[in-house]
């Protein structure tokens, strides 16, 4: 189903409302390490005419399929966003969306933009995920051999040796 909605009848009288709900396909819901399968998004929106503008309120929900940052396993992450946006004939950049010349509103960019902000930058499948080879690549505080004695003098990292020659007089 398309998220382009005809609002011609809605704009005839201020205060009129129309509901849009159900499962819709939103294109390009993808990140480097994840996507929304088939772009499937459930929306429950209400469109209301306010003068010559249309105010859209409601929710959009989808399930992101992301990759765990340690083991690269699948991480399904449900996401629900609250929407409150305005469509106007003369939109203000960054504040309102354009009302189409044919008295339609395209809700797809609104839903996409809101859902793209939901996934975490680096998701984990479990809080204690040890990764693909925990013996070879340990994670957490126990990964540092010096973790047992944080006050002990550590040998300098040779990659930073050039900084030892800097002088700030």
Protein backbone atom coordinates (compact mmCIF):
# COMPACT_ATOMS: atom_id res chain seq x y z
CA UNK A 1 0.00 0.00 0.00
CA UNK A 2 1.18 3.49 -0.77
CA UNK A 3 1.66 6.21 1.80
CA UNK A 4 0.58 8.95 -0.62
CA UNK A 5 -2.77 10.21 0.67
CA UNK A 6 -5.33 12.39 -1.12
CA UNK A 7 -6.31 15.24 1.20
CA UNK A 8 -8.46 17.32 -1.17
CA UNK A 9 -11.70 16.57 0.72
CA UNK A 10 -9.91 17.03 4.03
CA UNK A 11 -8.78 20.56 3.13
CA UNK A 12 -12.31 21.73 2.31
CA UNK A 13 -13.13 22.22 6.01
CA UNK A 14 -10.70 22.97 8.77
CA UNK A 15 -10.91 20.43 11.58
CA UNK A 16 -11.80 17.45 9.37
CA UNK A 17 -9.85 14.28 10.08
CA UNK A 18 -8.84 11.15 8.25
CA UNK A 19 -7.13 8.04 9.55
CA UNK A 20 -4.42 6.06 7.79
CA UNK A 21 -3.48 2.73 9.32
CA UNK A 22 -2.18 -0.68 8.37
CA UNK A 23 0.99 -2.22 6.99
CA UNK A 24 2.80 -0.28 4.29
CA UNK A 25 6.06 -0.62 2.41
CA UNK A 26 8.60 2.14 2.93
CA UNK A 27 11.51 2.09 0.51
CA UNK A 28 15.16 2.56 1.50
CA UNK A 29 14.88 1.65 5.18
CA UNK A 30 18.44 0.39 5.35
CA UNK A 31 21.70 1.17 7.09
CA UNK A 32 25.22 -0.20 6.64
CA UNK A 33 24.65 -2.90 9.26
CA UNK A 34 20.91 -3.49 9.04
CA UNK A 35 17.56 -3.02 7.38
CA UNK A 36 13.81 -3.34 7.83
CA UNK A 37 12.87 -6.57 6.00
CA UNK A 38 10.73 -5.77 2.95
CA UNK A 39 10.39 -2.19 4.26
CA UNK A 40 7.36 -3.37 6.26
CA UNK A 41 6.05 -0.57 8.48
CA UNK A 42 2.84 -0.49 10.50
CA UNK A 43 1.32 2.98 10.73
CA UNK A 44 -1.50 4.37 12.81
CA UNK A 45 -1.81 7.99 11.74
CA UNK A 46 -4.41 10.72 11.84
CA UNK A 47 -4.44 13.56 9.33
CA UNK A 48 -6.23 16.75 10.32
CA UNK A 49 -6.89 19.86 8.27
CA UNK A 50 -5.83 23.02 10.09
CA UNK A 51 -6.51 25.94 7.80
CA UNK A 52 -4.56 25.33 4.59
CA UNK A 53 -2.20 22.87 6.30
CA UNK A 54 -2.44 19.20 7.21
CA UNK A 55 -1.17 18.02 10.60
CA UNK A 56 -0.15 14.37 10.81
CA UNK A 57 0.02 12.68 14.22
CA UNK A 58 0.36 9.07 15.28
CA UNK A 59 2.87 6.23 15.33
CA UNK A 60 4.92 4.15 12.93
CA UNK A 61 6.39 0.78 13.91
CA UNK A 62 8.90 -1.52 12.25
CA UNK A 63 11.37 -4.24 13.19
CA UNK A 64 14.98 -3.52 12.30
CA UNK A 65 17.23 -6.49 11.57
CA UNK A 66 20.69 -5.32 12.61
CA UNK A 67 24.10 -6.95 13.10
CA UNK A 68 25.65 -7.41 16.53
CA UNK A 69 28.78 -5.28 16.79
CA UNK A 70 30.77 -8.16 18.31
CA UNK A 71 29.60 -11.44 16.79
CA UNK A 72 27.82 -10.05 13.67
CA UNK A 73 24.79 -12.20 14.50
CA UNK A 74 21.26 -10.96 13.82
CA UNK A 75 19.72 -8.50 16.24
CA UNK A 76 15.99 -7.96 15.68
CA UNK A 77 15.03 -4.61 17.18
CA UNK A 78 11.43 -3.41 17.28
CA UNK A 79 11.09 0.36 16.88
CA UNK A 80 8.07 2.60 17.37
CA UNK A 81 8.22 6.32 16.68
CA UNK A 82 5.77 9.09 17.50
CA UNK A 83 5.04 11.41 14.60
CA UNK A 84 3.75 14.97 14.60
CA UNK A 85 4.44 16.73 11.33
CA UNK A 86 2.91 19.54 9.29
CA UNK A 87 2.34 19.60 5.53
CA UNK A 88 2.00 23.05 3.95
CA UNK A 89 1.68 24.49 0.44
CA UNK A 90 4.74 26.65 1.10
CA UNK A 91 6.94 24.44 3.31
CA UNK A 92 9.67 25.87 5.51
CA UNK A 93 12.90 23.88 5.04
CA UNK A 94 13.52 21.63 8.03
CA UNK A 95 10.20 22.48 9.68
CA UNK A 96 7.34 21.41 7.41
CA UNK A 97 6.79 19.04 4.50
CA UNK A 98 5.36 20.01 1.10
CA UNK A 99 1.70 19.57 0.33
CA UNK A 100 1.48 18.24 -3.24
CA UNK A 101 0.06 20.37 -6.06
CA UNK A 102 -2.56 17.66 -6.53
CA UNK A 103 -3.67 17.97 -2.86
CA UNK A 104 -1.80 14.90 -1.68
CA UNK A 105 0.64 14.29 1.15
CA UNK A 106 3.47 11.81 0.82
CA UNK A 107 3.91 10.26 4.26
CA UNK A 108 6.75 7.95 3.20
CA UNK A 109 9.62 10.47 3.76
CA UNK A 110 8.19 11.40 7.17
CA UNK A 111 8.00 7.77 8.29
CA UNK A 112 11.42 6.90 6.82
CA UNK A 113 13.21 9.83 8.46
CA UNK A 114 11.72 9.09 11.87
CA UNK A 115 12.50 5.36 11.74
CA UNK A 116 16.06 5.91 10.47
CA UNK A 117 16.89 7.70 13.73
CA UNK A 118 15.78 4.80 15.93
CA UNK A 119 18.39 2.01 15.64
CA UNK A 120 21.39 2.18 17.97
CA UNK A 121 24.76 2.91 16.38
CA UNK A 122 26.38 -0.30 17.65
CA UNK A 123 23.79 -2.88 18.76
CA UNK A 124 24.57 -5.99 20.79
CA UNK A 125 22.70 -9.28 20.56
CA UNK A 126 23.24 -9.69 24.33
CA UNK A 127 24.89 -7.44 26.87
CA UNK A 128 27.50 -10.13 27.58
CA UNK A 129 28.14 -11.11 23.94
CA UNK A 130 31.70 -12.38 23.74
CA UNK A 131 32.08 -12.16 19.98
CA UNK A 132 33.02 -14.84 17.44
CA UNK A 133 36.29 -15.94 19.12
CA UNK A 134 36.30 -14.89 22.78
CA UNK A 135 39.57 -16.70 23.52
CA UNK A 136 41.39 -14.84 20.76
CA UNK A 137 39.62 -11.47 21.04
CA UNK A 138 38.36 -10.99 24.60
CA UNK A 139 36.02 -8.11 25.41
CA UNK A 140 35.35 -6.05 28.52
CA UNK A 141 37.55 -5.28 31.52
CA UNK A 142 38.87 -8.83 31.70
CA UNK A 143 40.41 -8.35 28.23
CA UNK A 144 43.29 -6.29 29.66
CA UNK A 145 45.92 -8.30 31.50
CA UNK A 146 46.69 -5.25 33.62
CA UNK A 147 43.03 -4.96 34.69
CA UNK A 148 43.83 -6.77 37.93
CA UNK A 149 46.11 -3.95 39.05
CA UNK A 150 45.08 -0.63 37.47
CA UNK A 151 47.63 1.30 39.57
CA UNK A 152 50.60 -0.68 38.21
CA UNK A 153 52.92 1.05 35.74
CA UNK A 154 52.06 0.04 32.19
CA UNK A 155 54.68 -0.13 29.45
CA UNK A 156 54.32 2.70 26.91
CA UNK A 157 52.58 1.93 23.67
CA UNK A 158 55.19 2.16 20.87
CA UNK A 159 52.62 3.69 18.51
CA UNK A 160 52.64 6.85 20.62
CA UNK A 161 56.46 7.11 20.91
CA UNK A 162 56.66 10.09 18.55
CA UNK A 163 54.53 12.12 20.94
CA UNK A 164 57.15 11.74 23.67
CA UNK A 165 59.46 14.00 21.64
CA UNK A 166 56.97 16.90 21.57
CA UNK A 167 57.81 19.88 23.75
CA UNK A 168 55.29 22.54 24.74
CA UNK A 169 57.26 25.55 26.05
